[in-house]
Amino acid sequence: MTNYNQQYFTGERALFAAHDANITDSTFAAGESPLKESRNLTLDGVVFKYKYPLWYSHHVSVRNTIFETMSRSGIWYTDDITIADSTIQAPKQLRRSGHITLQNVHLADAEETLWHCHDVVLDHVQATGDYFGADSENIRVSHLDLVGNYAFDGARNVEVHDSTFVTKDAFWNCDNVTIYDSTINGEYLAWNTKHLTLINCTIESDQGLCYIDDLRLVNCKLLRTDLAFEYCSGVDADVVSHIDSVKNPISGRIVADSIGTVIQDDPKLDRTRVTIQQRHARAAS
């Protein structure tokens, strides 16, 4: 095992193909791809200042590390990486990579981050940026706080717990998504998605939950949500709040405390395939 302690590295490919190494309290300054093609690394207290630090790397453990703004596109084509207790300022991190764990990580500019990745665990992660998690699969999320539009577009096999999303057009074009005990705020939630389940969630979404095949809501609130369920099929929705309006669901069952307006104006749809029930009229405010 090679140990690098309190080092300052400069120049392109400073530790190209490094393997079986511990790197502590060190800085990688100007120079692209400092750890390209690396293997079996432990990084603790490292600062990355420039582009492409960990490409084509395998079996990497990162702790207490900072990826500064210019370390953009930093982790691509990498397999088996854990990042904990760290801060990432740069966008376009984590692309076409697999077996990724982020624990107690702050992504200050998460634009176009976590694209085309697989086997991902996110635990106590804060992220700000658009197009987070696109086309990734086999994702397990706990305590994610995400601000940014178009989150998880095209994602597959996603399980989320105890998280908050402030994002419009989230979970579009997805397949097999289950979300527990979370809050989702943003327009046009989950259009063109298949096999979506939300359990004990609070949702606020203009024209949310439309064009979905196999949609299940269990003990969810749909606050200030209008024109919901348009062209959804296989709906099984138990909503414990008022819904502003429901429009043209294709098939299934929708039960809510109350519904402001039910719109069924598409003559091509068979209304007998849909059951819409209100538990009680909405109380006057």
C-alpha atoms as a PDB file:
ATOM      1  CA  MET A   1       0.000   0.000   0.000  1.00  0.00           C
ATOM      2  CA  THR A   2       1.350   3.419  -1.027  1.00  0.00           C
ATOM      3  CA  ASN A   3       0.657   6.382   1.274  1.00  0.00           C
ATOM      4  CA  TYR A   4       0.434  10.005   0.079  1.00  0.00           C
ATOM      5  CA  ASN A   5       0.036  12.482   2.917  1.00  0.00           C
ATOM      6  CA  GLN A   6      -0.107  16.300   2.757  1.00  0.00           C
ATOM      7  CA  GLN A   7       0.865  16.347  -0.918  1.00  0.00           C
ATOM      8  CA  TYR A   8       0.144  19.021  -3.540  1.00  0.00           C
ATOM      9  CA  PHE A   9      -0.225  17.548  -7.028  1.00  0.00           C
ATOM     10  CA  THR A  10      -0.191  19.530 -10.282  1.00  0.00           C
ATOM     11  CA  GLY A  11      -0.104  18.652 -13.955  1.00  0.00           C
ATOM     12  CA  GLU A  12      -2.183  16.388 -16.147  1.00  0.00           C
ATOM     13  CA  ARG A  13      -2.628  12.791 -14.916  1.00  0.00           C
ATOM     14  CA  ALA A  14      -0.644  13.450 -11.759  1.00  0.00           C
ATOM     15  CA  LEU A  15      -1.254   9.950 -10.364  1.00  0.00           C
ATOM     16  CA  PHE A  16      -2.398   8.167 -13.500  1.00  0.00           C
ATOM     17  CA  ALA A  17      -3.298   4.509 -12.869  1.00  0.00           C
ATOM     18  CA  ALA A  18      -2.523   4.764  -9.160  1.00  0.00           C
ATOM     19  CA  HIS A  19      -3.532   1.634  -7.284  1.00  0.00           C
ATOM     20  CA  ASP A  20      -3.577   0.342  -3.722  1.00  0.00           C
ATOM     21  CA  ALA A  21      -3.033   3.810  -2.286  1.00  0.00           C
ATOM     22  CA  ASN A  22      -4.108   5.949   0.668  1.00  0.00           C
ATOM     23  CA  ILE A  23      -4.269   9.670  -0.110  1.00  0.00           C
ATOM     24  CA  THR A  24      -4.825  11.973   2.866  1.00  0.00           C
ATOM     25  CA  ASP A  25      -4.895  15.740   3.452  1.00  0.00           C
ATOM     26  CA  SER A  26      -3.734  16.382  -0.102  1.00  0.00           C
ATOM     27  CA  THR A  27      -4.720  18.645  -2.994  1.00  0.00           C
ATOM     28  CA  PHE A  28      -4.977  17.960  -6.718  1.00  0.00           C
ATOM     29  CA  ALA A  29      -4.588  21.375  -8.333  1.00  0.00           C
ATOM     30  CA  ALA A  30      -4.419  22.384 -12.028  1.00  0.00           C
ATOM     31  CA  GLY A  31      -4.157  19.414 -14.342  1.00  0.00           C
ATOM     32  CA  GLU A  32      -6.810  17.165 -15.862  1.00  0.00           C
ATOM     33  CA  SER A  33      -7.518  13.542 -14.950  1.00  0.00           C
ATOM     34  CA  PRO A  34      -5.249  13.222 -11.904  1.00  0.00           C
ATOM     35  CA  LEU A  35      -6.517   9.762 -10.900  1.00  0.00           C
ATOM     36  CA  LYS A  36      -7.674   8.350 -14.218  1.00  0.00           C
ATOM     37  CA  GLU A  37      -7.577   4.531 -14.469  1.00  0.00           C
ATOM     38  CA  SER A  38      -6.979   4.199 -10.710  1.00  0.00           C
ATOM     39  CA  ARG A  39      -7.797   1.183  -8.532  1.00  0.00           C
ATOM     40  CA  ASN A  40      -8.258   0.429  -4.831  1.00  0.00           C
ATOM     41  CA  LEU A  41      -7.964   3.942  -3.415  1.00  0.00           C
ATOM     42  CA  THR A  42      -8.837   5.449  -0.048  1.00  0.00           C
ATOM     43  CA  LEU A  43      -9.126   9.253  -0.053  1.00  0.00           C
ATOM     44  CA  ASP A  44      -9.581  11.267   3.147  1.00  0.00           C
ATOM     45  CA  GLY A  45      -9.315  15.037   3.401  1.00  0.00           C
ATOM     46  CA  VAL A  46      -8.600  15.560  -0.305  1.00  0.00           C
ATOM     47  CA  VAL A  47      -9.358  18.657  -2.404  1.00  0.00           C
ATOM     48  CA  PHE A  48      -9.945  18.366  -6.161  1.00  0.00           C
ATOM     49  CA  LYS A  49      -9.554  21.670  -7.987  1.00  0.00           C
ATOM     50  CA  TYR A  50      -9.681  20.660 -11.662  1.00  0.00           C
ATOM     51  CA  LYS A  51     -11.494  18.532 -14.202  1.00  0.00           C
ATOM     52  CA  TYR A  52     -12.070  14.795 -14.512  1.00  0.00           C
ATOM     53  CA  PRO A  53     -10.461  13.582 -11.276  1.00  0.00           C
ATOM     54  CA  LEU A  54     -11.847  10.032 -11.166  1.00  0.00           C
ATOM     55  CA  TRP A  55     -12.487   8.557 -14.624  1.00  0.00           C
ATOM     56  CA  TYR A  56     -12.383   4.814 -15.285  1.00  0.00           C
ATOM     57  CA  SER A  57     -11.637   4.180 -11.615  1.00  0.00           C
ATOM     58  CA  HIS A  58     -12.557   1.110  -9.553  1.00  0.00           C
ATOM     59  CA  HIS A  59     -13.018   0.471  -5.832  1.00  0.00           C
ATOM     60  CA  VAL A  60     -12.682   3.967  -4.421  1.00  0.00           C
ATOM     61  CA  SER A  61     -13.550   5.202  -0.916  1.00  0.00           C
ATOM     62  CA  VAL A  62     -13.788   8.975  -0.443  1.00  0.00           C
ATOM     63  CA  ARG A  63     -14.331  10.814   2.865  1.00  0.00           C
ATOM     64  CA  ASN A  64     -14.103  14.414   4.069  1.00  0.00           C
ATOM     65  CA  THR A  65     -13.319  15.574   0.555  1.00  0.00           C
ATOM     66  CA  ILE A  66     -14.142  18.688  -1.486  1.00  0.00           C
ATOM     67  CA  PHE A  67     -14.735  18.699  -5.244  1.00  0.00           C
ATOM     68  CA  GLU A  68     -14.386  22.387  -6.151  1.00  0.00           C
ATOM     69  CA  THR A  69     -16.264  24.126  -8.960  1.00  0.00           C
ATOM     70  CA  MET A  70     -13.744  23.356 -11.700  1.00  0.00           C
ATOM     71  CA  SER A  71     -13.647  19.637 -10.896  1.00  0.00           C
ATOM     72  CA  ARG A  72     -16.655  19.281 -13.199  1.00  0.00           C
ATOM     73  CA  SER A  73     -17.487  16.024 -14.948  1.00  0.00           C
ATOM     74  CA  GLY A  74     -15.440  14.472 -12.202  1.00  0.00           C
ATOM     75  CA  ILE A  75     -16.570  10.867 -11.887  1.00  0.00           C
ATOM     76  CA  TRP A  76     -17.393   9.082 -15.166  1.00  0.00           C
ATOM     77  CA  TYR A  77     -17.131   5.428 -16.188  1.00  0.00           C
ATOM     78  CA  THR A  78     -16.246   4.480 -12.617  1.00  0.00           C
ATOM     79  CA  ASP A  79     -17.360   1.393 -10.687  1.00  0.00           C
ATOM     80  CA  ASP A  80     -17.672   0.839  -6.934  1.00  0.00           C
ATOM     81  CA  ILE A  81     -17.259   4.259  -5.344  1.00  0.00           C
ATOM     82  CA  THR A  82     -18.391   5.476  -1.918  1.00  0.00           C
ATOM     83  CA  ILE A  83     -18.377   9.175  -1.063  1.00  0.00           C
ATOM     84  CA  ALA A  84     -19.153  10.181   2.543  1.00  0.00           C
ATOM     85  CA  ASP A  85     -19.109  13.394   4.580  1.00  0.00           C
ATOM     86  CA  SER A  86     -18.068  15.402   1.535  1.00  0.00           C
ATOM     87  CA  THR A  87     -19.006  18.473  -0.507  1.00  0.00           C
ATOM     88  CA  ILE A  88     -19.295  18.584  -4.293  1.00  0.00           C
ATOM     89  CA  GLN A  89     -19.480  22.044  -5.870  1.00  0.00           C
ATOM     90  CA  ALA A  90     -19.052  20.958  -9.488  1.00  0.00           C
ATOM     91  CA  PRO A  91     -21.780  19.937 -11.955  1.00  0.00           C
ATOM     92  CA  LYS A  92     -22.033  16.858 -14.188  1.00  0.00           C
ATOM     93  CA  GLN A  93     -20.634  14.469 -11.605  1.00  0.00           C
ATOM     94  CA  LEU A  94     -21.289  10.734 -11.710  1.00  0.00           C
ATOM     95  CA  ARG A  95     -22.097   9.624 -15.245  1.00  0.00           C
ATOM     96  CA  ARG A  96     -22.188   6.116 -16.726  1.00  0.00           C
ATOM     97  CA  SER A  97     -20.954   4.715 -13.434  1.00  0.00           C
ATOM     98  CA  GLY A  98     -22.162   1.975 -11.121  1.00  0.00           C
ATOM     99  CA  HIS A  99     -22.242   0.704  -7.540  1.00  0.00           C
ATOM    100  CA  ILE A 100     -22.305   4.223  -6.113  1.00  0.00           C
ATOM    101  CA  THR A 101     -22.975   5.219  -2.501  1.00  0.00           C
ATOM    102  CA  LEU A 102     -23.324   8.835  -1.398  1.00  0.00           C
ATOM    103  CA  GLN A 103     -23.716   9.322   2.346  1.00  0.00           C
ATOM    104  CA  ASN A 104     -23.956  12.723   4.011  1.00  0.00           C
ATOM    105  CA  VAL A 105     -22.962  14.525   0.816  1.00  0.00           C
ATOM    106  CA  HIS A 106     -23.852  18.059  -0.290  1.00  0.00           C
ATOM    107  CA  LEU A 107     -24.051  18.614  -4.060  1.00  0.00           C
ATOM    108  CA  ALA A 108     -24.163  22.386  -4.417  1.00  0.00           C
ATOM    109  CA  ASP A 109     -24.459  22.311  -8.227  1.00  0.00           C
ATOM    110  CA  ALA A 110     -25.996  18.976  -9.166  1.00  0.00           C
ATOM    111  CA  GLU A 111     -26.916  19.941 -12.727  1.00  0.00           C
ATOM    112  CA  GLU A 112     -26.790  16.891 -15.005  1.00  0.00           C
ATOM    113  CA  THR A 113     -25.491  14.737 -12.172  1.00  0.00           C
ATOM    114  CA  LEU A 114     -25.996  10.986 -11.741  1.00  0.00           C
ATOM    115  CA  TRP A 115     -26.787  10.262 -15.401  1.00  0.00           C
ATOM    116  CA  HIS A 116     -26.914   6.750 -16.850  1.00  0.00           C
ATOM    117  CA  CYS A 117     -25.765   5.201 -13.570  1.00  0.00           C
ATOM    118  CA  HIS A 118     -26.816   1.964 -11.903  1.00  0.00           C
ATOM    119  CA  ASP A 119     -26.936   0.440  -8.426  1.00  0.00           C
ATOM    120  CA  VAL A 120     -27.001   3.717  -6.519  1.00  0.00           C
ATOM    121  CA  VAL A 121     -27.547   4.407  -2.803  1.00  0.00           C
ATOM    122  CA  LEU A 122     -28.251   7.964  -1.640  1.00  0.00           C
ATOM    123  CA  ASP A 123     -28.373   8.495   2.130  1.00  0.00           C
ATOM    124  CA  HIS A 124     -28.727  11.954   3.670  1.00  0.00           C
ATOM    125  CA  VAL A 125     -27.871  13.822   0.486  1.00  0.00           C
ATOM    126  CA  GLN A 126     -28.598  17.471  -0.335  1.00  0.00           C
ATOM    127  CA  ALA A 127     -28.611  18.398  -4.020  1.00  0.00           C
ATOM    128  CA  THR A 128     -29.442  21.504  -6.021  1.00  0.00           C
ATOM    129  CA  GLY A 129     -29.601  21.380  -9.812  1.00  0.00           C
ATOM    130  CA  ASP A 130     -31.654  20.421 -12.852  1.00  0.00           C
ATOM    131  CA  TYR A 131     -31.753  17.008 -14.540  1.00  0.00           C
ATOM    132  CA  PHE A 132     -30.570  15.043 -11.508  1.00  0.00           C
ATOM    133  CA  GLY A 133     -30.617  11.246 -11.848  1.00  0.00           C
ATOM    134  CA  ALA A 134     -31.580  10.961 -15.513  1.00  0.00           C
ATOM    135  CA  ASP A 135     -31.791   7.483 -17.052  1.00  0.00           C
ATOM    136  CA  SER A 136     -30.315   5.784 -13.988  1.00  0.00           C
ATOM    137  CA  GLU A 137     -31.554   2.512 -12.515  1.00  0.00           C
ATOM    138  CA  ASN A 138     -31.617   0.457  -9.340  1.00  0.00           C
ATOM    139  CA  ILE A 139     -31.633   3.461  -7.012  1.00  0.00           C
ATOM    140  CA  ARG A 140     -32.299   3.421  -3.259  1.00  0.00           C
ATOM    141  CA  VAL A 141     -32.855   6.798  -1.619  1.00  0.00           C
ATOM    142  CA  SER A 142     -33.221   7.859   2.014  1.00  0.00           C
ATOM    143  CA  HIS A 143     -33.355  11.442   3.260  1.00  0.00           C
ATOM    144  CA  LEU A 144     -32.666  13.155  -0.051  1.00  0.00           C
ATOM    145  CA  ASP A 145     -33.345  16.907  -0.135  1.00  0.00           C
ATOM    146  CA  LEU A 146     -33.461  17.861  -3.820  1.00  0.00           C
ATOM    147  CA  VAL A 147     -34.129  21.265  -5.385  1.00  0.00           C
ATOM    148  CA  GLY A 148     -34.035  21.341  -9.192  1.00  0.00           C
ATOM    149  CA  ASN A 149     -36.279  20.548 -12.125  1.00  0.00           C
ATOM    150  CA  TYR A 150     -36.646  17.371 -14.237  1.00  0.00           C
ATOM    151  CA  ALA A 151     -35.386  15.043 -11.506  1.00  0.00           C
ATOM    152  CA  PHE A 152     -34.956  11.335 -12.294  1.00  0.00           C
ATOM    153  CA  ASP A 153     -36.225  11.567 -15.853  1.00  0.00           C
ATOM    154  CA  GLY A 154     -36.247   8.090 -17.376  1.00  0.00           C
ATOM    155  CA  ALA A 155     -35.133   6.372 -14.162  1.00  0.00           C
ATOM    156  CA  ARG A 156     -35.981   2.726 -13.450  1.00  0.00           C
ATOM    157  CA  ASN A 157     -36.347   0.712 -10.261  1.00  0.00           C
ATOM    158  CA  VAL A 158     -36.310   3.569  -7.767  1.00  0.00           C
ATOM    159  CA  GLU A 159     -37.221   3.357  -4.068  1.00  0.00           C
ATOM    160  CA  VAL A 160     -37.390   6.561  -2.022  1.00  0.00           C
ATOM    161  CA  HIS A 161     -37.891   7.120   1.722  1.00  0.00           C
ATOM    162  CA  ASP A 162     -38.242  10.269   3.873  1.00  0.00           C
ATOM    163  CA  SER A 163     -37.233  12.746   1.176  1.00  0.00           C
ATOM    164  CA  THR A 164     -38.197  16.189  -0.104  1.00  0.00           C
ATOM    165  CA  PHE A 165     -38.383  17.184  -3.769  1.00  0.00           C
ATOM    166  CA  VAL A 166     -38.884  20.742  -5.009  1.00  0.00           C
ATOM    167  CA  THR A 167     -38.883  20.031  -8.725  1.00  0.00           C
ATOM    168  CA  LYS A 168     -41.226  20.315 -11.682  1.00  0.00           C
ATOM    169  CA  ASP A 169     -41.464  17.491 -14.215  1.00  0.00           C
ATOM    170  CA  ALA A 170     -40.025  15.028 -11.694  1.00  0.00           C
ATOM    171  CA  PHE A 171     -40.082  11.279 -12.384  1.00  0.00           C
ATOM    172  CA  TRP A 172     -41.116  11.582 -16.039  1.00  0.00           C
ATOM    173  CA  ASN A 173     -40.768   8.551 -18.326  1.00  0.00           C
ATOM    174  CA  CYS A 174     -39.922   6.293 -15.372  1.00  0.00           C
ATOM    175  CA  ASP A 175     -40.626   2.626 -14.723  1.00  0.00           C
ATOM    176  CA  ASN A 176     -41.134   1.040 -11.308  1.00  0.00           C
ATOM    177  CA  VAL A 177     -40.890   3.858  -8.762  1.00  0.00           C
ATOM    178  CA  THR A 178     -42.026   3.615  -5.126  1.00  0.00           C
ATOM    179  CA  ILE A 179     -41.913   6.655  -2.830  1.00  0.00           C
ATOM    180  CA  TYR A 180     -42.602   6.497   0.922  1.00  0.00           C
ATOM    181  CA  ASP A 181     -43.145   9.234   3.519  1.00  0.00           C
ATOM    182  CA  SER A 182     -41.957  12.071   1.280  1.00  0.00           C
ATOM    183  CA  THR A 183     -42.966  15.552   0.141  1.00  0.00           C
ATOM    184  CA  ILE A 184     -43.073  16.456  -3.543  1.00  0.00           C
ATOM    185  CA  ASN A 185     -43.652  20.022  -4.720  1.00  0.00           C
ATOM    186  CA  GLY A 186     -43.702  20.935  -8.409  1.00  0.00           C
ATOM    187  CA  GLU A 187     -45.772  21.000 -11.578  1.00  0.00           C
ATOM    188  CA  TYR A 188     -46.500  18.080 -13.903  1.00  0.00           C
ATOM    189  CA  LEU A 189     -45.398  15.241 -11.641  1.00  0.00           C
ATOM    190  CA  ALA A 190     -44.546  11.864 -13.171  1.00  0.00           C
ATOM    191  CA  TRP A 191     -46.057  12.083 -16.654  1.00  0.00           C
ATOM    192  CA  ASN A 192     -45.546   9.129 -19.011  1.00  0.00           C
ATOM    193  CA  THR A 193     -44.466   6.816 -16.185  1.00  0.00           C
ATOM    194  CA  LYS A 194     -45.321   3.167 -15.522  1.00  0.00           C
ATOM    195  CA  HIS A 195     -45.747   1.416 -12.178  1.00  0.00           C
ATOM    196  CA  LEU A 196     -45.651   4.344  -9.751  1.00  0.00           C
ATOM    197  CA  THR A 197     -46.565   3.909  -6.077  1.00  0.00           C
ATOM    198  CA  LEU A 198     -46.709   6.717  -3.502  1.00  0.00           C
ATOM    199  CA  ILE A 199     -47.288   5.847   0.172  1.00  0.00           C
ATOM    200  CA  ASN A 200     -47.867   8.411   2.958  1.00  0.00           C
ATOM    201  CA  CYS A 201     -46.734  11.262   0.700  1.00  0.00           C
ATOM    202  CA  THR A 202     -47.714  14.926   0.503  1.00  0.00           C
ATOM    203  CA  ILE A 203     -47.902  16.255  -3.049  1.00  0.00           C
ATOM    204  CA  GLU A 204     -48.519  19.718  -4.427  1.00  0.00           C
ATOM    205  CA  SER A 205     -48.509  19.639  -8.223  1.00  0.00           C
ATOM    206  CA  ASP A 206     -50.309  21.604 -10.924  1.00  0.00           C
ATOM    207  CA  GLN A 207     -51.531  18.990 -13.421  1.00  0.00           C
ATOM    208  CA  GLY A 208     -49.625  16.305 -11.593  1.00  0.00           C
ATOM    209  CA  LEU A 209     -49.921  12.541 -12.025  1.00  0.00           C
ATOM    210  CA  CYS A 210     -51.068  12.310 -15.649  1.00  0.00           C
ATOM    211  CA  TYR A 211     -50.438   9.798 -18.446  1.00  0.00           C
ATOM    212  CA  ILE A 212     -49.440   7.063 -15.983  1.00  0.00           C
ATOM    213  CA  ASP A 213     -49.964   3.329 -16.368  1.00  0.00           C
ATOM    214  CA  ASP A 214     -50.444   1.524 -13.025  1.00  0.00           C
ATOM    215  CA  LEU A 215     -50.619   4.292 -10.424  1.00  0.00           C
ATOM    216  CA  ARG A 216     -51.140   3.586  -6.732  1.00  0.00           C
ATOM    217  CA  LEU A 217     -51.556   6.170  -3.966  1.00  0.00           C
ATOM    218  CA  VAL A 218     -51.887   5.042  -0.349  1.00  0.00           C
ATOM    219  CA  ASN A 219     -52.786   7.559   2.363  1.00  0.00           C
ATOM    220  CA  CYS A 220     -51.498  10.511   0.313  1.00  0.00           C
ATOM    221  CA  LYS A 221     -52.390  14.198   0.307  1.00  0.00           C
ATOM    222  CA  LEU A 222     -52.820  16.049  -3.007  1.00  0.00           C
ATOM    223  CA  LEU A 223     -52.727  19.680  -1.946  1.00  0.00           C
ATOM    224  CA  ARG A 224     -53.603  22.380  -4.476  1.00  0.00           C
ATOM    225  CA  THR A 225     -53.417  19.767  -7.204  1.00  0.00           C
ATOM    226  CA  ASP A 226     -55.650  20.231 -10.237  1.00  0.00           C
ATOM    227  CA  LEU A 227     -56.438  18.280 -13.424  1.00  0.00           C
ATOM    228  CA  ALA A 228     -54.977  15.184 -11.809  1.00  0.00           C
ATOM    229  CA  PHE A 229     -55.021  11.659 -13.263  1.00  0.00           C
ATOM    230  CA  GLU A 230     -55.566  12.734 -16.872  1.00  0.00           C
ATOM    231  CA  TYR A 231     -55.300   9.661 -19.111  1.00  0.00           C
ATOM    232  CA  CYS A 232     -54.092   7.460 -16.262  1.00  0.00           C
ATOM    233  CA  SER A 233     -54.936   3.760 -16.407  1.00  0.00           C
ATOM    234  CA  GLY A 234     -54.964   1.233 -13.605  1.00  0.00           C
ATOM    235  CA  VAL A 235     -55.363   3.875 -10.894  1.00  0.00           C
ATOM    236  CA  ASP A 236     -55.824   2.857  -7.250  1.00  0.00           C
ATOM    237  CA  ALA A 237     -55.759   6.136  -5.324  1.00  0.00           C
ATOM    238  CA  ASP A 238     -56.594   6.671  -1.656  1.00  0.00           C
ATOM    239  CA  VAL A 239     -56.261  10.423  -1.086  1.00  0.00           C
ATOM    240  CA  VAL A 240     -56.708  11.841   2.419  1.00  0.00           C
ATOM    241  CA  SER A 241     -57.208  15.436   1.323  1.00  0.00           C
ATOM    242  CA  HIS A 242     -59.217  17.583  -1.041  1.00  0.00           C
ATOM    243  CA  ILE A 243     -58.306  17.407  -4.736  1.00  0.00           C
ATOM    244  CA  ASP A 244     -58.951  20.582  -6.720  1.00  0.00           C
ATOM    245  CA  SER A 245     -59.930  18.695  -9.878  1.00  0.00           C
ATOM    246  CA  VAL A 246     -59.744  15.303 -11.572  1.00  0.00           C
ATOM    247  CA  LYS A 247     -59.712  15.053 -15.362  1.00  0.00           C
ATOM    248  CA  ASN A 248     -60.382  12.122 -17.677  1.00  0.00           C
ATOM    249  CA  PRO A 249     -58.827   9.128 -15.942  1.00  0.00           C
ATOM    250  CA  ILE A 250     -58.985   6.038 -18.173  1.00  0.00           C
ATOM    251  CA  SER A 251     -59.536   3.292 -15.616  1.00  0.00           C
ATOM    252  CA  GLY A 252     -59.350   2.506 -11.917  1.00  0.00           C
ATOM    253  CA  ARG A 253     -60.560   3.811  -8.589  1.00  0.00           C
ATOM    254  CA  ILE A 254     -60.056   7.251  -7.029  1.00  0.00           C
ATOM    255  CA  VAL A 255     -61.193   7.968  -3.468  1.00  0.00           C
ATOM    256  CA  ALA A 256     -60.613  11.374  -1.863  1.00  0.00           C
ATOM    257  CA  ASP A 257     -61.926  13.332   1.089  1.00  0.00           C
ATOM    258  CA  SER A 258     -63.454  15.709  -1.443  1.00  0.00           C
ATOM    259  CA  ILE A 259     -62.997  16.776  -5.060  1.00  0.00           C
ATOM    260  CA  GLY A 260     -63.647  20.260  -6.391  1.00  0.00           C
ATOM    261  CA  THR A 261     -64.416  19.333 -10.008  1.00  0.00           C
ATOM    262  CA  VAL A 262     -64.625  16.042 -11.874  1.00  0.00           C
ATOM    263  CA  ILE A 263     -64.091  16.500 -15.620  1.00  0.00           C
ATOM    264  CA  GLN A 264     -65.041  13.598 -17.895  1.00  0.00           C
ATOM    265  CA  ASP A 265     -65.405  15.201 -21.300  1.00  0.00           C
ATOM    266  CA  ASP A 266     -63.519  12.839 -23.605  1.00  0.00           C
ATOM    267  CA  PRO A 267     -66.150  10.823 -25.520  1.00  0.00           C
ATOM    268  CA  LYS A 268     -63.581   8.137 -26.385  1.00  0.00           C
ATOM    269  CA  LEU A 269     -63.301   7.071 -22.726  1.00  0.00           C
ATOM    270  CA  ASP A 270     -65.635   4.568 -21.076  1.00  0.00           C
ATOM    271  CA  ARG A 271     -66.733   6.132 -17.809  1.00  0.00           C
ATOM    272  CA  THR A 272     -67.812   2.773 -16.415  1.00  0.00           C
ATOM    273  CA  ARG A 273     -64.151   1.787 -16.138  1.00  0.00           C
ATOM    274  CA  VAL A 274     -63.566   4.490 -13.511  1.00  0.00           C
ATOM    275  CA  THR A 275     -64.884   4.827  -9.952  1.00  0.00           C
ATOM    276  CA  ILE A 276     -64.562   8.260  -8.355  1.00  0.00           C
ATOM    277  CA  GLN A 277     -65.710   8.655  -4.745  1.00  0.00           C
ATOM    278  CA  GLN A 278     -65.744  11.446  -2.160  1.00  0.00           C
ATOM    279  CA  ARG A 279     -65.781  10.606   1.544  1.00  0.00           C
ATOM    280  CA  HIS A 280     -67.457  13.841   2.471  1.00  0.00           C
ATOM    281  CA  ALA A 281     -68.046  17.331   1.106  1.00  0.00           C
ATOM    282  CA  ARG A 282     -65.282  19.815   1.749  1.00  0.00           C
ATOM    283  CA  ALA A 283     -65.893  21.964   4.789  1.00  0.00           C
ATOM    284  CA  ALA A 284     -66.296  25.667   4.210  1.00  0.00           C
ATOM    285  CA  SER A 285     -63.195  27.690   4.965  1.00  0.00           C
END
